[in-house]
Amino acid sequence: MRYAGIISALLLLTLAGQARAGDAQSCDYGQRHPSMPAAFDQYAFMIGDYRIEARRGQDDGWTQKGPGEPLWRGSYIMNGMAIMDEWFNADPSITPETGRGVNIRFWDAAENKWKVAWQYSTDPEVRTLESSIDEDGKLRLYRIHDKKFAATADGQKIYFEIYDDNHWARITEQLDENGVYKPKLKLEAFRIACKN
């Protein structure tokens, strides 16, 4: 991945110093660069601060919200030519030692897809992923960092659903023994209003 050096440096800086997801006071998420193509807006729904409700899949849909309240924060970086989204297991302003991770998303116009890198605070390995709009019109995420996870080879489907400007979800479905995709995990995001 040609962005590997930049991504590694950004990930290290982010994990080392950022804990601002719980502070929605500034509402400074950067701006997209005007030269970026329209496809760059595919992840615009993620820009901002969000509280997350995690739900597990079951035969008739989803469970009630799980314990805790993770946070997700998206912003434009690198002069608006990339998107960074941060994950916090809990509000870092309340629980500073909480687990955290970060994605860096670059739009690759030549391949017409997103190149994504993910790193979590307890895992030193940077995971590489790709993302694009699938034949059903859904924004799909493909894990390519490990052959066992390559392009749903593990029987998982990961995609995003956007409900409105303040509400979206990242959904994982698992292929069962009958070849049917069943709900596995839903990370439902609700925008946190700015405090200014």
C-alpha atoms as a PDB file:
ATOM      1  CA  MET A   1       0.000   0.000   0.000  1.00  0.00           C
ATOM      2  CA  ARG A   2       1.663   3.195  -1.158  1.00  0.00           C
ATOM      3  CA  TYR A   3       0.364   5.209   1.815  1.00  0.00           C
ATOM      4  CA  ALA A   4       1.804   2.800   4.408  1.00  0.00           C
ATOM      5  CA  GLY A   5       4.465   5.178   5.789  1.00  0.00           C
ATOM      6  CA  ILE A   6       2.091   8.127   6.089  1.00  0.00           C
ATOM      7  CA  ILE A   7      -0.613   5.990   7.636  1.00  0.00           C
ATOM      8  CA  SER A   8       1.746   4.436  10.188  1.00  0.00           C
ATOM      9  CA  ALA A   9       2.976   7.871  11.274  1.00  0.00           C
ATOM     10  CA  LEU A  10      -0.571   9.264  11.536  1.00  0.00           C
ATOM     11  CA  LEU A  11      -1.754   6.246  13.476  1.00  0.00           C
ATOM     12  CA  LEU A  12       1.095   6.503  15.974  1.00  0.00           C
ATOM     13  CA  LEU A  13       0.551  10.239  16.481  1.00  0.00           C
ATOM     14  CA  THR A  14      -3.176   9.770  16.909  1.00  0.00           C
ATOM     15  CA  LEU A  15      -2.916   6.898  19.377  1.00  0.00           C
ATOM     16  CA  ALA A  16      -0.192   8.665  21.340  1.00  0.00           C
ATOM     17  CA  GLY A  17      -1.904  12.004  21.792  1.00  0.00           C
ATOM     18  CA  GLN A  18      -5.547  12.260  20.896  1.00  0.00           C
ATOM     19  CA  ALA A  19      -8.369  11.921  23.372  1.00  0.00           C
ATOM     20  CA  ARG A  20     -10.743  14.546  22.078  1.00  0.00           C
ATOM     21  CA  ALA A  21     -13.652  12.413  20.885  1.00  0.00           C
ATOM     22  CA  GLY A  22     -15.559  13.023  24.086  1.00  0.00           C
ATOM     23  CA  ASP A  23     -15.130  16.786  23.723  1.00  0.00           C
ATOM     24  CA  ALA A  24     -17.617  17.997  21.130  1.00  0.00           C
ATOM     25  CA  GLN A  25     -17.077  21.651  22.082  1.00  0.00           C
ATOM     26  CA  SER A  26     -14.937  22.836  19.177  1.00  0.00           C
ATOM     27  CA  CYS A  27     -16.746  20.933  16.442  1.00  0.00           C
ATOM     28  CA  ASP A  28     -13.640  21.423  14.293  1.00  0.00           C
ATOM     29  CA  TYR A  29     -13.663  18.424  11.962  1.00  0.00           C
ATOM     30  CA  GLY A  30     -11.701  20.053   9.150  1.00  0.00           C
ATOM     31  CA  GLN A  31     -13.008  20.442   5.610  1.00  0.00           C
ATOM     32  CA  ARG A  32     -12.856  18.297   2.517  1.00  0.00           C
ATOM     33  CA  HIS A  33     -10.440  19.588  -0.109  1.00  0.00           C
ATOM     34  CA  PRO A  34     -12.364  21.091  -3.046  1.00  0.00           C
ATOM     35  CA  SER A  35     -10.319  19.096  -5.565  1.00  0.00           C
ATOM     36  CA  MET A  36     -11.526  15.746  -4.212  1.00  0.00           C
ATOM     37  CA  PRO A  37     -13.970  13.882  -6.482  1.00  0.00           C
ATOM     38  CA  ALA A  38     -17.640  13.369  -5.582  1.00  0.00           C
ATOM     39  CA  ALA A  39     -16.872   9.771  -4.525  1.00  0.00           C
ATOM     40  CA  PHE A  40     -14.868  11.201  -1.620  1.00  0.00           C
ATOM     41  CA  ASP A  41     -18.217  12.106  -0.017  1.00  0.00           C
ATOM     42  CA  GLN A  42     -19.116   8.424   0.452  1.00  0.00           C
ATOM     43  CA  TYR A  43     -17.773   8.627   4.026  1.00  0.00           C
ATOM     44  CA  ALA A  44     -18.938  12.200   4.746  1.00  0.00           C
ATOM     45  CA  PHE A  45     -21.704  10.786   6.979  1.00  0.00           C
ATOM     46  CA  MET A  46     -18.991   9.828   9.459  1.00  0.00           C
ATOM     47  CA  ILE A  47     -17.677  13.373  10.027  1.00  0.00           C
ATOM     48  CA  GLY A  48     -18.511  14.517  13.554  1.00  0.00           C
ATOM     49  CA  ASP A  49     -18.816  13.039  17.033  1.00  0.00           C
ATOM     50  CA  TYR A  50     -21.082  10.042  17.633  1.00  0.00           C
ATOM     51  CA  ARG A  51     -22.139   7.918  20.574  1.00  0.00           C
ATOM     52  CA  ILE A  52     -22.395   4.235  19.696  1.00  0.00           C
ATOM     53  CA  GLU A  53     -24.931   1.622  20.685  1.00  0.00           C
ATOM     54  CA  ALA A  54     -23.581  -1.889  20.109  1.00  0.00           C
ATOM     55  CA  ARG A  55     -26.077  -4.657  19.410  1.00  0.00           C
ATOM     56  CA  ARG A  56     -25.533  -8.368  18.793  1.00  0.00           C
ATOM     57  CA  GLY A  57     -27.386 -10.294  16.129  1.00  0.00           C
ATOM     58  CA  GLN A  58     -30.001 -12.903  16.936  1.00  0.00           C
ATOM     59  CA  ASP A  59     -32.434 -14.941  14.830  1.00  0.00           C
ATOM     60  CA  ASP A  60     -35.144 -12.280  14.837  1.00  0.00           C
ATOM     61  CA  GLY A  61     -32.892  -9.210  14.443  1.00  0.00           C
ATOM     62  CA  TRP A  62     -30.831  -7.346  17.028  1.00  0.00           C
ATOM     63  CA  THR A  63     -30.473  -7.459  20.812  1.00  0.00           C
ATOM     64  CA  GLN A  64     -31.053  -4.468  23.037  1.00  0.00           C
ATOM     65  CA  LYS A  65     -28.158  -2.020  23.392  1.00  0.00           C
ATOM     66  CA  GLY A  66     -25.121  -3.546  25.090  1.00  0.00           C
ATOM     67  CA  PRO A  67     -23.332  -2.105  28.136  1.00  0.00           C
ATOM     68  CA  GLY A  68     -21.138   0.969  27.904  1.00  0.00           C
ATOM     69  CA  GLU A  69     -21.231   3.783  25.413  1.00  0.00           C
ATOM     70  CA  PRO A  70     -18.366   3.855  22.921  1.00  0.00           C
ATOM     71  CA  LEU A  71     -17.592   7.006  20.947  1.00  0.00           C
ATOM     72  CA  TRP A  72     -16.684   7.440  17.277  1.00  0.00           C
ATOM     73  CA  ARG A  73     -15.215  10.661  15.844  1.00  0.00           C
ATOM     74  CA  GLY A  74     -14.652  11.416  12.166  1.00  0.00           C
ATOM     75  CA  SER A  75     -12.674  14.330  10.733  1.00  0.00           C
ATOM     76  CA  TYR A  76     -10.941  15.449   7.561  1.00  0.00           C
ATOM     77  CA  ILE A  77      -7.145  15.369   7.710  1.00  0.00           C
ATOM     78  CA  MET A  78      -4.185  15.991   5.406  1.00  0.00           C
ATOM     79  CA  ASN A  79      -5.647  19.247   4.073  1.00  0.00           C
ATOM     80  CA  GLY A  80      -9.008  17.561   3.500  1.00  0.00           C
ATOM     81  CA  MET A  81      -7.652  14.766   1.303  1.00  0.00           C
ATOM     82  CA  ALA A  82      -8.198  11.916   3.780  1.00  0.00           C
ATOM     83  CA  ILE A  83     -10.623  10.998   6.550  1.00  0.00           C
ATOM     84  CA  MET A  84      -9.614   9.879  10.024  1.00  0.00           C
ATOM     85  CA  ASP A  85     -12.105   8.251  12.344  1.00  0.00           C
ATOM     86  CA  GLU A  86     -11.297   7.463  15.942  1.00  0.00           C
ATOM     87  CA  TRP A  87     -12.918   4.788  18.105  1.00  0.00           C
ATOM     88  CA  PHE A  88     -13.051   4.975  21.896  1.00  0.00           C
ATOM     89  CA  ASN A  89     -14.420   2.107  24.006  1.00  0.00           C
ATOM     90  CA  ALA A  90     -15.664   4.747  26.470  1.00  0.00           C
ATOM     91  CA  ASP A  91     -15.612   8.538  26.734  1.00  0.00           C
ATOM     92  CA  PRO A  92     -11.886   9.364  27.226  1.00  0.00           C
ATOM     93  CA  SER A  93     -12.763  12.518  29.178  1.00  0.00           C
ATOM     94  CA  ILE A  94     -14.301  10.207  31.810  1.00  0.00           C
ATOM     95  CA  THR A  95     -12.114   7.114  31.343  1.00  0.00           C
ATOM     96  CA  PRO A  96      -8.709   8.327  30.049  1.00  0.00           C
ATOM     97  CA  GLU A  97      -7.214   4.823  29.905  1.00  0.00           C
ATOM     98  CA  THR A  98     -10.005   3.483  27.663  1.00  0.00           C
ATOM     99  CA  GLY A  99      -9.121   1.359  24.653  1.00  0.00           C
ATOM    100  CA  ARG A 100      -8.967   3.289  21.403  1.00  0.00           C
ATOM    101  CA  GLY A 101      -8.340   2.823  17.727  1.00  0.00           C
ATOM    102  CA  VAL A 102      -8.109   4.826  14.530  1.00  0.00           C
ATOM    103  CA  ASN A 103      -8.894   4.399  10.830  1.00  0.00           C
ATOM    104  CA  ILE A 104      -7.258   6.461   8.099  1.00  0.00           C
ATOM    105  CA  ARG A 105      -9.286   6.465   4.854  1.00  0.00           C
ATOM    106  CA  PHE A 106      -7.761   7.531   1.509  1.00  0.00           C
ATOM    107  CA  TRP A 107      -9.753   7.673  -1.740  1.00  0.00           C
ATOM    108  CA  ASP A 108      -7.843   5.931  -4.553  1.00  0.00           C
ATOM    109  CA  ALA A 109      -9.261   7.392  -7.782  1.00  0.00           C
ATOM    110  CA  ALA A 110      -7.215   5.046  -9.976  1.00  0.00           C
ATOM    111  CA  GLU A 111      -8.815   1.971  -8.386  1.00  0.00           C
ATOM    112  CA  ASN A 112     -12.157   3.655  -7.610  1.00  0.00           C
ATOM    113  CA  LYS A 113     -12.129   2.523  -3.982  1.00  0.00           C
ATOM    114  CA  TRP A 114     -11.034   3.477  -0.500  1.00  0.00           C
ATOM    115  CA  LYS A 115      -7.730   2.327   0.997  1.00  0.00           C
ATOM    116  CA  VAL A 116      -8.118   2.051   4.755  1.00  0.00           C
ATOM    117  CA  ALA A 117      -5.743   1.360   7.627  1.00  0.00           C
ATOM    118  CA  TRP A 118      -6.873   0.468  11.165  1.00  0.00           C
ATOM    119  CA  GLN A 119      -4.897   0.250  14.374  1.00  0.00           C
ATOM    120  CA  TYR A 120      -6.097  -0.449  17.900  1.00  0.00           C
ATOM    121  CA  SER A 121      -4.225   0.642  21.015  1.00  0.00           C
ATOM    122  CA  THR A 122      -3.547  -2.910  22.230  1.00  0.00           C
ATOM    123  CA  ASP A 123      -2.512  -4.282  18.813  1.00  0.00           C
ATOM    124  CA  PRO A 124       0.746  -3.047  17.257  1.00  0.00           C
ATOM    125  CA  GLU A 125      -0.183  -4.329  13.787  1.00  0.00           C
ATOM    126  CA  VAL A 126      -1.727  -1.937  11.266  1.00  0.00           C
ATOM    127  CA  ARG A 127      -4.652  -3.681   9.524  1.00  0.00           C
ATOM    128  CA  THR A 128      -5.281  -2.852   5.876  1.00  0.00           C
ATOM    129  CA  LEU A 129      -8.762  -2.764   4.393  1.00  0.00           C
ATOM    130  CA  GLU A 130     -10.536  -1.594   1.261  1.00  0.00           C
ATOM    131  CA  SER A 131     -13.976  -0.113   0.806  1.00  0.00           C
ATOM    132  CA  SER A 132     -16.267   0.528  -2.147  1.00  0.00           C
ATOM    133  CA  ILE A 133     -19.913   0.667  -3.172  1.00  0.00           C
ATOM    134  CA  ASP A 134     -21.147  -2.871  -3.935  1.00  0.00           C
ATOM    135  CA  GLU A 135     -23.672  -4.096  -6.491  1.00  0.00           C
ATOM    136  CA  ASP A 136     -26.485  -3.468  -3.967  1.00  0.00           C
ATOM    137  CA  GLY A 137     -25.468   0.184  -3.583  1.00  0.00           C
ATOM    138  CA  LYS A 138     -24.094  -0.342  -0.060  1.00  0.00           C
ATOM    139  CA  LEU A 139     -20.761   0.994   1.147  1.00  0.00           C
ATOM    140  CA  ARG A 140     -18.862  -2.235   1.900  1.00  0.00           C
ATOM    141  CA  LEU A 141     -15.682  -2.720   3.906  1.00  0.00           C
ATOM    142  CA  TYR A 142     -13.313  -5.552   2.972  1.00  0.00           C
ATOM    143  CA  ARG A 143     -10.625  -6.809   5.306  1.00  0.00           C
ATOM    144  CA  ILE A 144      -7.469  -7.608   3.337  1.00  0.00           C
ATOM    145  CA  HIS A 145      -4.866  -7.658   6.119  1.00  0.00           C
ATOM    146  CA  ASP A 146      -5.004 -11.422   6.520  1.00  0.00           C
ATOM    147  CA  LYS A 147      -5.785 -14.115   3.945  1.00  0.00           C
ATOM    148  CA  LYS A 148      -8.377 -15.680   6.223  1.00  0.00           C
ATOM    149  CA  PHE A 149     -10.280 -12.372   6.159  1.00  0.00           C
ATOM    150  CA  ALA A 150      -9.831 -11.566   2.466  1.00  0.00           C
ATOM    151  CA  ALA A 151     -12.979 -10.200   0.812  1.00  0.00           C
ATOM    152  CA  THR A 152     -15.470 -12.034   3.046  1.00  0.00           C
ATOM    153  CA  ALA A 153     -13.582 -15.343   2.755  1.00  0.00           C
ATOM    154  CA  ASP A 154     -14.350 -15.714   6.461  1.00  0.00           C
ATOM    155  CA  GLY A 155     -18.063 -15.556   5.666  1.00  0.00           C
ATOM    156  CA  GLN A 156     -18.581 -12.029   6.950  1.00  0.00           C
ATOM    157  CA  LYS A 157     -20.175  -9.078   5.223  1.00  0.00           C
ATOM    158  CA  ILE A 158     -19.445  -5.593   6.618  1.00  0.00           C
ATOM    159  CA  TYR A 159     -21.325  -2.557   5.332  1.00  0.00           C
ATOM    160  CA  PHE A 160     -22.713   0.816   6.361  1.00  0.00           C
ATOM    161  CA  GLU A 161     -26.325   2.016   6.428  1.00  0.00           C
ATOM    162  CA  ILE A 162     -27.030   5.741   6.553  1.00  0.00           C
ATOM    163  CA  TYR A 163     -30.425   6.603   8.078  1.00  0.00           C
ATOM    164  CA  ASP A 164     -30.129  10.418   8.111  1.00  0.00           C
ATOM    165  CA  ASP A 165     -27.536  13.160   8.704  1.00  0.00           C
ATOM    166  CA  ASN A 166     -27.292  12.286  12.404  1.00  0.00           C
ATOM    167  CA  HIS A 167     -27.710   8.512  12.452  1.00  0.00           C
ATOM    168  CA  TRP A 168     -25.900   5.632  10.728  1.00  0.00           C
ATOM    169  CA  ALA A 169     -24.704   2.096  11.456  1.00  0.00           C
ATOM    170  CA  ARG A 170     -21.809  -0.241  10.683  1.00  0.00           C
ATOM    171  CA  ILE A 171     -23.254  -3.736  10.278  1.00  0.00           C
ATOM    172  CA  THR A 172     -21.546  -7.118  10.242  1.00  0.00           C
ATOM    173  CA  GLU A 173     -23.379 -10.211   9.014  1.00  0.00           C
ATOM    174  CA  GLN A 174     -22.073 -13.789   9.309  1.00  0.00           C
ATOM    175  CA  LEU A 175     -22.676 -16.595   6.827  1.00  0.00           C
ATOM    176  CA  ASP A 176     -24.343 -19.537   8.602  1.00  0.00           C
ATOM    177  CA  GLU A 177     -24.062 -23.267   7.844  1.00  0.00           C
ATOM    178  CA  ASN A 178     -26.996 -22.977   5.381  1.00  0.00           C
ATOM    179  CA  GLY A 179     -25.325 -20.242   3.334  1.00  0.00           C
ATOM    180  CA  VAL A 180     -27.567 -17.474   4.718  1.00  0.00           C
ATOM    181  CA  TYR A 181     -26.175 -14.197   6.070  1.00  0.00           C
ATOM    182  CA  LYS A 182     -27.361 -13.571   9.640  1.00  0.00           C
ATOM    183  CA  PRO A 183     -26.956 -10.450  11.822  1.00  0.00           C
ATOM    184  CA  LYS A 184     -23.764 -10.540  13.912  1.00  0.00           C
ATOM    185  CA  LEU A 185     -22.923  -7.002  15.109  1.00  0.00           C
ATOM    186  CA  LYS A 186     -24.476  -3.571  14.669  1.00  0.00           C
ATOM    187  CA  LEU A 187     -22.628  -0.436  15.761  1.00  0.00           C
ATOM    188  CA  GLU A 188     -25.347   2.201  15.622  1.00  0.00           C
ATOM    189  CA  ALA A 189     -24.116   5.807  15.645  1.00  0.00           C
ATOM    190  CA  PHE A 190     -26.027   8.848  16.947  1.00  0.00           C
ATOM    191  CA  ARG A 191     -24.566  12.336  16.451  1.00  0.00           C
ATOM    192  CA  ILE A 192     -23.450  14.241  19.561  1.00  0.00           C
ATOM    193  CA  ALA A 193     -24.528  17.891  19.229  1.00  0.00           C
ATOM    194  CA  CYS A 194     -21.879  20.605  19.416  1.00  0.00           C
ATOM    195  CA  LYS A 195     -21.713  22.498  22.698  1.00  0.00           C
ATOM    196  CA  ASN A 196     -20.825  25.918  21.256  1.00  0.00           C
END
